[in-house]
Amino acid sequence: SPPVDAVDSPWRDGQTAAWLHRGGGTVTLVEGMTFCVSAASGDIEPGSPMGLFVLDTRVLSRLRLMVDGELPRSLGSLPTGPVSAAFVASCEPTVGRSERLVVVRRRRLGQGLRETAEIQNTGLGPRTVSVQLSVEVDFADVFEVKEGRPPSPFVTPQWKGGRSRYVHPGHAPVRLD
């Protein structure tokens, strides 16, 4: 059964609220020959069977979001469609502050992977935060990943015009905007 149940919202007339899946495990999105497997937090960690796979090749082996140098604490995930999901997390207050930050990541497959991150301040005043997104590409074959074999090490990053490209001999370049 799906991990989310839609219920009538007690706060807004005629709208529904959704219960977040709070367990561990993974979230998998599939569209045609492309699929993405991530932790319930939305992060993709190297050394695991997670990643973004296109035509049986892993084109994204790490995707980690940090706020103020810390990993947000996962509150849950919510499938928002067959090819999309939302991930909700919170950041603990920093020293001398009482407000928390709420992080909502929205991910969608469709001609690649598109993800947006929204950070909401629960405090009354403005707050400056540092956001870091770490990515890695390894071009591992799906069978290398399934069998736990290390991928070939010939991936080289290139920077051009503020964009990064990862190039592996025999594969089309992967562009990260």
Protein backbone atom coordinates (compact mmCIF):
# COMPACT_ATOMS: atom_id res chain seq x y z
CA SER A 1 0.00 0.00 0.00
CA PRO A 2 1.21 3.55 -0.62
CA PRO A 3 2.93 5.31 2.30
CA VAL A 4 0.75 8.40 1.97
CA ASP A 5 -2.91 8.90 2.79
CA ALA A 6 -4.74 12.04 1.67
CA VAL A 7 -7.18 13.36 4.24
CA ASP A 8 -9.39 16.42 4.49
CA SER A 9 -7.35 19.25 5.94
CA PRO A 10 -8.62 20.57 9.28
CA TRP A 11 -7.07 23.98 8.52
CA ARG A 12 -8.31 24.89 5.06
CA ASP A 13 -11.82 24.37 3.80
CA GLY A 14 -12.03 21.99 0.86
CA GLN A 15 -8.29 21.20 0.69
CA THR A 16 -6.53 17.98 1.49
CA ALA A 17 -3.46 17.33 3.56
CA ALA A 18 -1.12 14.40 3.13
CA TRP A 19 0.63 12.24 5.65
CA LEU A 20 4.36 11.96 5.01
CA HIS A 21 6.06 8.58 4.82
CA ARG A 22 8.36 8.76 7.84
CA GLY A 23 10.19 5.47 7.54
CA GLY A 24 13.69 4.89 6.29
CA GLY A 25 14.30 3.07 3.08
CA THR A 26 14.35 4.51 -0.39
CA VAL A 27 12.21 6.48 -2.81
CA THR A 28 12.18 5.33 -6.45
CA LEU A 29 10.91 7.36 -9.40
CA VAL A 30 10.61 5.80 -12.86
CA GLU A 31 9.98 7.33 -16.28
CA GLY A 32 10.65 5.13 -19.31
CA MET A 33 14.33 4.14 -19.36
CA THR A 34 15.21 6.62 -16.60
CA PHE A 35 14.92 5.95 -12.88
CA CYS A 36 16.12 7.58 -9.69
CA VAL A 37 16.67 5.83 -6.36
CA SER A 38 17.36 7.99 -3.29
CA ALA A 39 17.15 7.82 0.47
CA ALA A 40 13.86 8.88 2.03
CA SER A 41 15.64 12.18 2.80
CA GLY A 42 16.10 12.81 -0.93
CA ASP A 43 19.88 12.44 -0.75
CA ILE A 44 21.79 10.08 -3.02
CA GLU A 45 24.93 8.67 -1.44
CA PRO A 46 27.89 7.14 -3.29
CA GLY A 47 28.86 3.58 -2.42
CA SER A 48 25.20 2.57 -2.42
CA PRO A 49 22.82 1.31 -5.12
CA MET A 50 21.25 4.79 -5.24
CA GLY A 51 21.51 7.19 -8.13
CA LEU A 52 19.98 8.60 -11.27
CA PHE A 53 20.13 5.98 -14.04
CA VAL A 54 19.60 6.66 -17.74
CA LEU A 55 19.71 3.74 -20.19
CA ASP A 56 21.32 1.45 -17.55
CA THR A 57 24.07 3.97 -16.72
CA ARG A 58 24.26 5.83 -13.40
CA VAL A 59 24.72 9.48 -14.32
CA LEU A 60 24.38 10.84 -10.79
CA SER A 61 25.98 8.99 -7.88
CA ARG A 62 25.79 11.72 -5.19
CA LEU A 63 23.22 14.40 -4.52
CA ARG A 64 23.46 15.89 -1.05
CA LEU A 65 21.90 19.10 0.23
CA MET A 66 23.37 20.83 3.28
CA VAL A 67 22.18 23.99 5.03
CA ASP A 68 24.61 25.98 7.16
CA GLY A 69 27.07 23.09 6.93
CA GLU A 70 24.62 20.53 8.34
CA LEU A 71 22.45 17.81 6.83
CA PRO A 72 18.78 18.70 7.41
CA ARG A 73 16.89 16.16 9.54
CA SER A 74 14.48 14.24 7.34
CA LEU A 75 10.84 14.50 8.36
CA GLY A 76 9.52 12.35 5.53
CA SER A 77 8.83 11.98 1.86
CA LEU A 78 5.70 12.20 -0.23
CA PRO A 79 5.09 10.83 -3.72
CA THR A 80 3.45 13.63 -5.68
CA GLY A 81 2.95 11.61 -8.88
CA PRO A 82 4.38 8.63 -10.73
CA VAL A 83 7.51 10.57 -11.70
CA SER A 84 7.75 13.07 -8.83
CA ALA A 85 8.21 13.28 -5.08
CA ALA A 86 8.66 15.81 -2.31
CA PHE A 87 11.09 15.51 0.60
CA VAL A 88 10.58 17.49 3.81
CA ALA A 89 13.30 18.16 6.39
CA SER A 90 14.10 20.60 9.16
CA CYS A 91 17.24 22.32 10.39
CA GLU A 92 17.80 22.76 14.10
CA PRO A 93 18.09 26.32 15.43
CA THR A 94 21.61 27.71 15.53
CA VAL A 95 23.20 29.08 18.70
CA GLY A 96 21.38 32.20 19.85
CA ARG A 97 18.32 31.59 17.62
CA SER A 98 15.04 29.86 18.33
CA GLU A 99 13.58 29.46 14.83
CA ARG A 100 13.88 26.35 12.74
CA LEU A 101 14.24 26.14 9.01
CA VAL A 102 11.99 23.86 6.98
CA VAL A 103 13.46 22.46 3.75
CA VAL A 104 11.14 21.20 1.01
CA ARG A 105 12.77 19.51 -1.98
CA ARG A 106 10.63 18.77 -5.04
CA ARG A 107 12.01 16.26 -7.54
CA ARG A 108 10.67 15.34 -10.97
CA LEU A 109 11.89 13.04 -13.72
CA GLY A 110 11.27 14.13 -17.29
CA GLN A 111 14.00 14.75 -19.83
CA GLY A 112 16.48 14.24 -16.98
CA LEU A 113 16.04 15.14 -13.33
CA ARG A 114 14.84 18.50 -12.09
CA GLU A 115 14.90 19.41 -8.41
CA THR A 116 13.99 22.58 -6.56
CA ALA A 117 14.68 23.30 -2.91
CA GLU A 118 12.67 25.77 -0.87
CA ILE A 119 13.90 26.85 2.57
CA GLN A 120 11.28 28.35 4.86
CA ASN A 121 12.24 30.35 7.94
CA THR A 122 9.83 29.75 10.84
CA GLY A 123 11.12 32.83 12.67
CA LEU A 124 9.80 36.36 12.53
CA GLY A 125 12.98 38.05 11.30
CA PRO A 126 15.20 37.60 8.28
CA ARG A 127 17.87 34.91 8.29
CA THR A 128 20.86 34.34 6.05
CA VAL A 129 21.76 30.72 5.33
CA SER A 130 24.45 28.92 3.40
CA VAL A 131 23.25 26.19 1.02
CA GLN A 132 25.59 23.56 -0.40
CA LEU A 133 24.64 21.01 -3.04
CA SER A 134 27.19 18.22 -3.57
CA VAL A 135 27.04 16.14 -6.74
CA GLU A 136 29.14 13.31 -8.13
CA VAL A 137 29.00 11.38 -11.37
CA ASP A 138 30.55 7.95 -11.92
CA PHE A 139 28.92 6.56 -15.11
CA ALA A 140 28.65 3.15 -13.47
CA ASP A 141 26.84 0.44 -15.38
CA VAL A 142 23.67 -0.72 -13.61
CA PHE A 143 25.19 -4.20 -13.24
CA GLU A 144 28.34 -2.75 -11.60
CA VAL A 145 26.06 -0.98 -9.12
CA LYS A 146 23.87 -4.03 -8.43
CA GLU A 147 26.91 -6.26 -7.88
CA GLY A 148 28.73 -3.69 -5.74
CA ARG A 149 31.67 -3.45 -8.16
CA PRO A 150 33.55 -0.14 -8.34
CA PRO A 151 32.86 1.88 -11.50
CA SER A 152 35.66 2.68 -13.91
CA PRO A 153 37.56 5.78 -12.73
CA PHE A 154 37.77 7.74 -15.97
CA VAL A 155 35.30 10.54 -15.21
CA THR A 156 36.67 14.07 -15.54
CA PRO A 157 34.76 17.21 -14.57
CA GLN A 158 34.97 20.29 -16.78
CA TRP A 159 33.82 23.82 -15.90
CA LYS A 160 32.69 26.19 -18.63
CA GLY A 161 30.60 29.35 -18.32
CA GLY A 162 29.53 28.57 -14.74
CA ARG A 163 28.27 25.10 -15.68
CA SER A 164 29.82 21.74 -15.02
CA ARG A 165 30.12 18.86 -17.47
CA TYR A 166 31.26 15.35 -16.66
CA VAL A 167 32.90 13.43 -19.47
CA HIS A 168 33.58 9.68 -19.66
CA PRO A 169 35.08 8.05 -22.75
CA GLY A 170 32.33 6.36 -24.76
CA HIS A 171 29.45 8.27 -23.13
CA ALA A 172 27.72 11.53 -23.94
CA PRO A 173 28.67 14.35 -21.51
CA VAL A 174 26.39 15.00 -18.53
CA ARG A 175 25.60 18.67 -17.89
CA LEU A 176 24.69 19.97 -14.46
CA ASP A 177 23.02 23.40 -14.42
